Amino acid sequence: MSNKKVKIAVFVSGGGTNLQALIDKQKSGVINSGEIALVISNNPNAFALERAKKAEIKTAVVPRKECSSQEEFEDKLIELLGENEIELIVLAGFMCILSERFTGKYPKRIVNVHPSLIPSFCGKGFYGLRVHEAALEYGVKVTGATVHFVNEIPDGGEIIMQKAVEVEDGDTAEVLQKRVMVNAEWIILPQAVEKVSRALLENE
């Protein structure tokens, strides 16, 4: 076995808690077949960039609002991915929609984590706290997180892993969001990244 690793780019927009989970699990060896080579944010003030710098991972910022079109925005992303020889993309709280033109370029090479058990509470408009608010309004007793491949349909790609989390009496959306992160997202996202990275290496 060679010690070649799949080069990973993580796309972030905010605090970067999922990025931190990936960095920690890379250090502890859960992620062994891939390595985070680049962190890209559309938000120059994202705290996730600080997390990346602390871990000595290269960062780049591509502000969506400074691009005249979705095409220009995606072209800049594609250029960065090419320059850094990226083979796998992980969306970790990335708040920009990517078009079919972009996702079609990287089939089964873009992974996203969604804070519900797809197909529940997913698709257009379901992100952040809204997902947990919807779960509580509906009265579900079990929610969780899903890691899936990204295609042109929001939350519509093939499921890689899921983990269930119980909803408890008196939960607020914030409390539930935190429990889903700790007990599901931070566990299955690194596991799924390792699984996909390993498969990419085996198929080379």
C-alpha atoms as a PDB file:
ATOM      1  CA  MET A   1       0.000   0.000   0.000  1.00  0.00           C
ATOM      2  CA  SER A   2       1.272   3.446  -0.867  1.00  0.00           C
ATOM      3  CA  ASN A   3       0.733   6.209   1.623  1.00  0.00           C
ATOM      4  CA  LYS A   4      -0.947   8.371  -0.968  1.00  0.00           C
ATOM      5  CA  LYS A   5      -3.901  10.273   0.411  1.00  0.00           C
ATOM      6  CA  VAL A   6      -6.911  11.776  -1.330  1.00  0.00           C
ATOM      7  CA  LYS A   7      -6.658  15.575  -1.322  1.00  0.00           C
ATOM      8  CA  ILE A   8      -9.736  17.089   0.286  1.00  0.00           C
ATOM      9  CA  ALA A   9     -11.163  20.614   0.116  1.00  0.00           C
ATOM     10  CA  VAL A  10     -13.670  21.683   2.759  1.00  0.00           C
ATOM     11  CA  PHE A  11     -16.156  24.438   1.823  1.00  0.00           C
ATOM     12  CA  VAL A  12     -17.321  26.532   4.789  1.00  0.00           C
ATOM     13  CA  SER A  13     -19.352  29.671   5.482  1.00  0.00           C
ATOM     14  CA  GLY A  14     -19.484  30.083   9.246  1.00  0.00           C
ATOM     15  CA  GLY A  15     -18.116  28.836  12.548  1.00  0.00           C
ATOM     16  CA  GLY A  16     -16.680  25.636  11.182  1.00  0.00           C
ATOM     17  CA  THR A  17     -17.668  23.160  13.903  1.00  0.00           C
ATOM     18  CA  ASN A  18     -17.954  20.367  11.328  1.00  0.00           C
ATOM     19  CA  LEU A  19     -14.571  21.397   9.919  1.00  0.00           C
ATOM     20  CA  GLN A  20     -13.147  21.135  13.443  1.00  0.00           C
ATOM     21  CA  ALA A  21     -14.604  17.625  13.778  1.00  0.00           C
ATOM     22  CA  LEU A  22     -12.870  16.682  10.510  1.00  0.00           C
ATOM     23  CA  ILE A  23      -9.537  18.199  11.625  1.00  0.00           C
ATOM     24  CA  ASP A  24      -9.742  16.383  14.993  1.00  0.00           C
ATOM     25  CA  LYS A  25     -10.659  13.058  13.397  1.00  0.00           C
ATOM     26  CA  GLN A  26      -7.848  13.446  10.864  1.00  0.00           C
ATOM     27  CA  LYS A  27      -5.416  13.923  13.766  1.00  0.00           C
ATOM     28  CA  SER A  28      -6.797  10.905  15.646  1.00  0.00           C
ATOM     29  CA  GLY A  29      -6.610   8.696  12.551  1.00  0.00           C
ATOM     30  CA  VAL A  30     -10.320   8.195  11.823  1.00  0.00           C
ATOM     31  CA  ILE A  31      -9.612   9.951   8.518  1.00  0.00           C
ATOM     32  CA  ASN A  32      -6.556   8.184   7.188  1.00  0.00           C
ATOM     33  CA  SER A  33      -7.151   7.759   3.444  1.00  0.00           C
ATOM     34  CA  GLY A  34      -7.569  11.484   2.823  1.00  0.00           C
ATOM     35  CA  GLU A  35      -6.150  14.763   4.056  1.00  0.00           C
ATOM     36  CA  ILE A  36      -7.610  18.241   4.171  1.00  0.00           C
ATOM     37  CA  ALA A  37      -5.442  20.220   1.773  1.00  0.00           C
ATOM     38  CA  LEU A  38      -7.613  23.337   1.399  1.00  0.00           C
ATOM     39  CA  VAL A  39     -10.427  25.191   3.165  1.00  0.00           C
ATOM     40  CA  ILE A  40     -12.490  27.548   0.990  1.00  0.00           C
ATOM     41  CA  SER A  41     -15.000  30.061   2.335  1.00  0.00           C
ATOM     42  CA  ASN A  42     -17.412  32.440   0.639  1.00  0.00           C
ATOM     43  CA  ASN A  43     -17.274  34.531   3.808  1.00  0.00           C
ATOM     44  CA  PRO A  44     -13.984  36.315   4.632  1.00  0.00           C
ATOM     45  CA  ASN A  45     -15.056  36.580   8.302  1.00  0.00           C
ATOM     46  CA  ALA A  46     -15.881  32.896   8.788  1.00  0.00           C
ATOM     47  CA  PHE A  47     -14.357  31.613  12.024  1.00  0.00           C
ATOM     48  CA  ALA A  48     -13.783  28.342  10.170  1.00  0.00           C
ATOM     49  CA  LEU A  49     -10.840  30.057   8.429  1.00  0.00           C
ATOM     50  CA  GLU A  50      -9.195  30.623  11.829  1.00  0.00           C
ATOM     51  CA  ARG A  51      -9.661  26.941  12.663  1.00  0.00           C
ATOM     52  CA  ALA A  52      -7.975  25.997   9.386  1.00  0.00           C
ATOM     53  CA  LYS A  53      -5.060  28.385   9.946  1.00  0.00           C
ATOM     54  CA  LYS A  54      -4.563  27.025  13.455  1.00  0.00           C
ATOM     55  CA  ALA A  55      -4.339  23.525  11.971  1.00  0.00           C
ATOM     56  CA  GLU A  56      -1.925  24.870   9.318  1.00  0.00           C
ATOM     57  CA  ILE A  57      -4.293  24.120   6.453  1.00  0.00           C
ATOM     58  CA  LYS A  58      -4.221  26.368   3.385  1.00  0.00           C
ATOM     59  CA  THR A  59      -7.244  28.691   3.068  1.00  0.00           C
ATOM     60  CA  ALA A  60      -8.885  30.661   0.284  1.00  0.00           C
ATOM     61  CA  VAL A  61     -11.785  33.116   0.223  1.00  0.00           C
ATOM     62  CA  VAL A  62     -14.130  33.516  -2.735  1.00  0.00           C
ATOM     63  CA  PRO A  63     -16.841  36.049  -1.775  1.00  0.00           C
ATOM     64  CA  ARG A  64     -19.988  35.278  -3.783  1.00  0.00           C
ATOM     65  CA  LYS A  65     -21.049  38.939  -3.740  1.00  0.00           C
ATOM     66  CA  GLU A  66     -17.842  40.021  -5.458  1.00  0.00           C
ATOM     67  CA  CYS A  67     -18.603  37.760  -8.419  1.00  0.00           C
ATOM     68  CA  SER A  68     -20.840  39.095 -11.158  1.00  0.00           C
ATOM     69  CA  SER A  69     -22.541  35.731 -11.699  1.00  0.00           C
ATOM     70  CA  GLN A  70     -22.901  32.197 -10.377  1.00  0.00           C
ATOM     71  CA  GLU A  71     -20.640  31.095 -13.265  1.00  0.00           C
ATOM     72  CA  GLU A  72     -17.833  33.445 -12.245  1.00  0.00           C
ATOM     73  CA  PHE A  73     -18.149  32.289  -8.618  1.00  0.00           C
ATOM     74  CA  GLU A  74     -17.991  28.621  -9.611  1.00  0.00           C
ATOM     75  CA  ASP A  75     -15.162  29.187 -12.089  1.00  0.00           C
ATOM     76  CA  LYS A  76     -13.050  30.640  -9.273  1.00  0.00           C
ATOM     77  CA  LEU A  77     -13.829  27.595  -7.116  1.00  0.00           C
ATOM     78  CA  ILE A  78     -12.998  25.206  -9.968  1.00  0.00           C
ATOM     79  CA  GLU A  79      -9.714  27.029 -10.579  1.00  0.00           C
ATOM     80  CA  LEU A  80      -8.717  26.723  -6.892  1.00  0.00           C
ATOM     81  CA  LEU A  81      -9.640  23.036  -6.845  1.00  0.00           C
ATOM     82  CA  GLY A  82      -7.552  22.426  -9.948  1.00  0.00           C
ATOM     83  CA  GLU A  83      -4.523  24.356  -8.685  1.00  0.00           C
ATOM     84  CA  ASN A  84      -4.546  22.336  -5.461  1.00  0.00           C
ATOM     85  CA  GLU A  85      -5.216  18.983  -7.161  1.00  0.00           C
ATOM     86  CA  ILE A  86      -8.337  18.429  -5.043  1.00  0.00           C
ATOM     87  CA  GLU A  87     -10.042  15.066  -5.471  1.00  0.00           C
ATOM     88  CA  LEU A  88     -12.853  15.280  -2.903  1.00  0.00           C
ATOM     89  CA  ILE A  89     -15.018  18.200  -1.750  1.00  0.00           C
ATOM     90  CA  VAL A  90     -16.741  18.307   1.640  1.00  0.00           C
ATOM     91  CA  LEU A  91     -19.492  20.864   2.241  1.00  0.00           C
ATOM     92  CA  ALA A  92     -19.437  21.710   5.958  1.00  0.00           C
ATOM     93  CA  GLY A  93     -21.981  24.446   6.563  1.00  0.00           C
ATOM     94  CA  PHE A  94     -21.470  25.989   3.113  1.00  0.00           C
ATOM     95  CA  MET A  95     -24.321  28.424   2.537  1.00  0.00           C
ATOM     96  CA  CYS A  96     -24.052  28.786  -1.231  1.00  0.00           C
ATOM     97  CA  ILE A  97     -26.015  26.658  -3.662  1.00  0.00           C
ATOM     98  CA  LEU A  98     -23.849  25.029  -6.320  1.00  0.00           C
ATOM     99  CA  SER A  99     -25.268  24.648  -9.807  1.00  0.00           C
ATOM    100  CA  GLU A 100     -25.569  21.471 -11.843  1.00  0.00           C
ATOM    101  CA  ARG A 101     -22.709  22.775 -13.964  1.00  0.00           C
ATOM    102  CA  PHE A 102     -20.468  22.596 -10.877  1.00  0.00           C
ATOM    103  CA  THR A 103     -21.810  19.425  -9.246  1.00  0.00           C
ATOM    104  CA  GLY A 104     -21.790  17.588 -12.585  1.00  0.00           C
ATOM    105  CA  LYS A 105     -18.067  18.181 -12.843  1.00  0.00           C
ATOM    106  CA  TYR A 106     -17.386  16.200  -9.649  1.00  0.00           C
ATOM    107  CA  PRO A 107     -19.758  13.214  -9.647  1.00  0.00           C
ATOM    108  CA  LYS A 108     -19.593  11.289  -6.352  1.00  0.00           C
ATOM    109  CA  ARG A 109     -16.791  13.597  -5.242  1.00  0.00           C
ATOM    110  CA  ILE A 110     -18.859  16.144  -3.301  1.00  0.00           C
ATOM    111  CA  VAL A 111     -20.090  15.177   0.161  1.00  0.00           C
ATOM    112  CA  ASN A 112     -22.509  17.118   2.360  1.00  0.00           C
ATOM    113  CA  VAL A 113     -23.840  16.648   5.880  1.00  0.00           C
ATOM    114  CA  HIS A 114     -27.499  17.490   6.504  1.00  0.00           C
ATOM    115  CA  PRO A 115     -28.981  17.726  10.020  1.00  0.00           C
ATOM    116  CA  SER A 116     -31.953  15.386   9.534  1.00  0.00           C
ATOM    117  CA  LEU A 117     -32.674  11.853   8.406  1.00  0.00           C
ATOM    118  CA  ILE A 118     -33.206  12.417   4.686  1.00  0.00           C
ATOM    119  CA  PRO A 119     -35.820  12.307   3.135  1.00  0.00           C
ATOM    120  CA  SER A 120     -37.338  14.109   6.156  1.00  0.00           C
ATOM    121  CA  PHE A 121     -36.889  17.884   6.511  1.00  0.00           C
ATOM    122  CA  CYS A 122     -34.603  18.404   3.565  1.00  0.00           C
ATOM    123  CA  GLY A 123     -34.457  20.143   0.201  1.00  0.00           C
ATOM    124  CA  LYS A 124     -34.809  23.800  -0.671  1.00  0.00           C
ATOM    125  CA  GLY A 125     -35.091  26.121   2.326  1.00  0.00           C
ATOM    126  CA  PHE A 126     -34.166  23.486   4.895  1.00  0.00           C
ATOM    127  CA  TYR A 127     -30.890  24.506   6.494  1.00  0.00           C
ATOM    128  CA  GLY A 128     -29.561  25.489   9.898  1.00  0.00           C
ATOM    129  CA  LEU A 129     -32.097  25.857  12.685  1.00  0.00           C
ATOM    130  CA  ARG A 130     -35.033  25.638  10.269  1.00  0.00           C
ATOM    131  CA  VAL A 131     -34.472  21.898   9.962  1.00  0.00           C
ATOM    132  CA  HIS A 132     -34.750  21.381  13.726  1.00  0.00           C
ATOM    133  CA  GLU A 133     -37.702  23.785  14.050  1.00  0.00           C
ATOM    134  CA  ALA A 134     -39.542  21.752  11.410  1.00  0.00           C
ATOM    135  CA  ALA A 135     -38.731  18.467  13.168  1.00  0.00           C
ATOM    136  CA  LEU A 136     -40.063  19.813  16.484  1.00  0.00           C
ATOM    137  CA  GLU A 137     -43.192  21.295  14.858  1.00  0.00           C
ATOM    138  CA  TYR A 138     -43.918  17.949  13.250  1.00  0.00           C
ATOM    139  CA  GLY A 139     -43.426  16.181  16.568  1.00  0.00           C
ATOM    140  CA  VAL A 140     -40.986  13.507  15.408  1.00  0.00           C
ATOM    141  CA  LYS A 141     -39.431  11.434  18.195  1.00  0.00           C
ATOM    142  CA  VAL A 142     -36.281  10.583  16.259  1.00  0.00           C
ATOM    143  CA  THR A 143     -34.184  12.831  14.054  1.00  0.00           C
ATOM    144  CA  GLY A 144     -30.492  12.699  13.195  1.00  0.00           C
ATOM    145  CA  ALA A 145     -28.034  13.510  10.452  1.00  0.00           C
ATOM    146  CA  THR A 146     -27.314  12.283   6.944  1.00  0.00           C
ATOM    147  CA  VAL A 147     -24.118  12.397   4.911  1.00  0.00           C
ATOM    148  CA  HIS A 148     -24.841  12.218   1.203  1.00  0.00           C
ATOM    149  CA  PHE A 149     -23.293  12.823  -2.181  1.00  0.00           C
ATOM    150  CA  VAL A 150     -24.219  16.161  -3.742  1.00  0.00           C
ATOM    151  CA  ASN A 151     -25.930  16.398  -7.097  1.00  0.00           C
ATOM    152  CA  GLU A 152     -28.039  19.084  -8.767  1.00  0.00           C
ATOM    153  CA  ILE A 153     -31.013  18.493  -6.418  1.00  0.00           C
ATOM    154  CA  PRO A 154     -30.706  20.069  -2.943  1.00  0.00           C
ATOM    155  CA  ASP A 155     -30.169  17.161  -0.510  1.00  0.00           C
ATOM    156  CA  GLY A 156     -31.014  14.801  -3.369  1.00  0.00           C
ATOM    157  CA  GLY A 157     -27.816  12.774  -3.808  1.00  0.00           C
ATOM    158  CA  GLU A 158     -27.165   9.188  -2.792  1.00  0.00           C
ATOM    159  CA  ILE A 159     -26.982   8.609   0.973  1.00  0.00           C
ATOM    160  CA  ILE A 160     -23.611   7.481   2.361  1.00  0.00           C
ATOM    161  CA  MET A 161     -24.358   7.299   6.104  1.00  0.00           C
ATOM    162  CA  GLN A 162     -27.079   8.169   8.590  1.00  0.00           C
ATOM    163  CA  LYS A 163     -27.239   8.276  12.360  1.00  0.00           C
ATOM    164  CA  ALA A 164     -30.368   8.684  14.469  1.00  0.00           C
ATOM    165  CA  VAL A 165     -30.698  10.975  17.477  1.00  0.00           C
ATOM    166  CA  GLU A 166     -33.642  10.976  19.869  1.00  0.00           C
ATOM    167  CA  VAL A 167     -35.752  14.072  20.349  1.00  0.00           C
ATOM    168  CA  GLU A 168     -36.345  14.759  24.037  1.00  0.00           C
ATOM    169  CA  ASP A 169     -39.290  16.447  25.755  1.00  0.00           C
ATOM    170  CA  GLY A 170     -38.742  20.164  26.108  1.00  0.00           C
ATOM    171  CA  ASP A 171     -36.178  20.379  23.307  1.00  0.00           C
ATOM    172  CA  THR A 172     -35.753  23.738  21.639  1.00  0.00           C
ATOM    173  CA  ALA A 173     -34.393  23.945  18.100  1.00  0.00           C
ATOM    174  CA  GLU A 174     -31.049  25.152  19.523  1.00  0.00           C
ATOM    175  CA  VAL A 175     -30.766  22.290  22.013  1.00  0.00           C
ATOM    176  CA  LEU A 176     -31.711  19.741  19.352  1.00  0.00           C
ATOM    177  CA  GLN A 177     -29.272  21.264  16.845  1.00  0.00           C
ATOM    178  CA  LYS A 178     -26.414  20.863  19.326  1.00  0.00           C
ATOM    179  CA  ARG A 179     -27.368  17.258  20.173  1.00  0.00           C
ATOM    180  CA  VAL A 180     -27.566  16.308  16.492  1.00  0.00           C
ATOM    181  CA  MET A 181     -24.161  17.888  15.854  1.00  0.00           C
ATOM    182  CA  VAL A 182     -22.408  16.167  18.754  1.00  0.00           C
ATOM    183  CA  ASN A 183     -24.114  12.771  18.512  1.00  0.00           C
ATOM    184  CA  ALA A 184     -24.465  12.449  14.762  1.00  0.00           C
ATOM    185  CA  GLU A 185     -22.857  15.037  12.444  1.00  0.00           C
ATOM    186  CA  TRP A 186     -19.421  15.106  14.079  1.00  0.00           C
ATOM    187  CA  ILE A 187     -19.323  11.298  14.110  1.00  0.00           C
ATOM    188  CA  ILE A 188     -20.619  10.291  10.679  1.00  0.00           C
ATOM    189  CA  LEU A 189     -19.139  13.130   8.612  1.00  0.00           C
ATOM    190  CA  PRO A 190     -15.509  12.078   9.311  1.00  0.00           C
ATOM    191  CA  GLN A 191     -16.455   8.384   8.948  1.00  0.00           C
ATOM    192  CA  ALA A 192     -18.112   9.043   5.591  1.00  0.00           C
ATOM    193  CA  VAL A 193     -15.156  11.142   4.389  1.00  0.00           C
ATOM    194  CA  GLU A 194     -12.826   8.249   5.235  1.00  0.00           C
ATOM    195  CA  LYS A 195     -15.133   5.756   3.504  1.00  0.00           C
ATOM    196  CA  VAL A 196     -15.335   7.819   0.293  1.00  0.00           C
ATOM    197  CA  SER A 197     -11.592   8.617   0.335  1.00  0.00           C
ATOM    198  CA  ARG A 198     -10.750   4.945   0.717  1.00  0.00           C
ATOM    199  CA  ALA A 199     -13.058   4.028  -2.169  1.00  0.00           C
ATOM    200  CA  LEU A 200     -11.423   6.687  -4.378  1.00  0.00           C
ATOM    201  CA  LEU A 201      -7.962   5.300  -3.608  1.00  0.00           C
ATOM    202  CA  GLU A 202      -9.094   1.729  -4.318  1.00  0.00           C
ATOM    203  CA  ASN A 203     -10.596   2.746  -7.662  1.00  0.00           C
ATOM    204  CA  GLU A 204      -7.474   4.501  -8.916  1.00  0.00           C
END
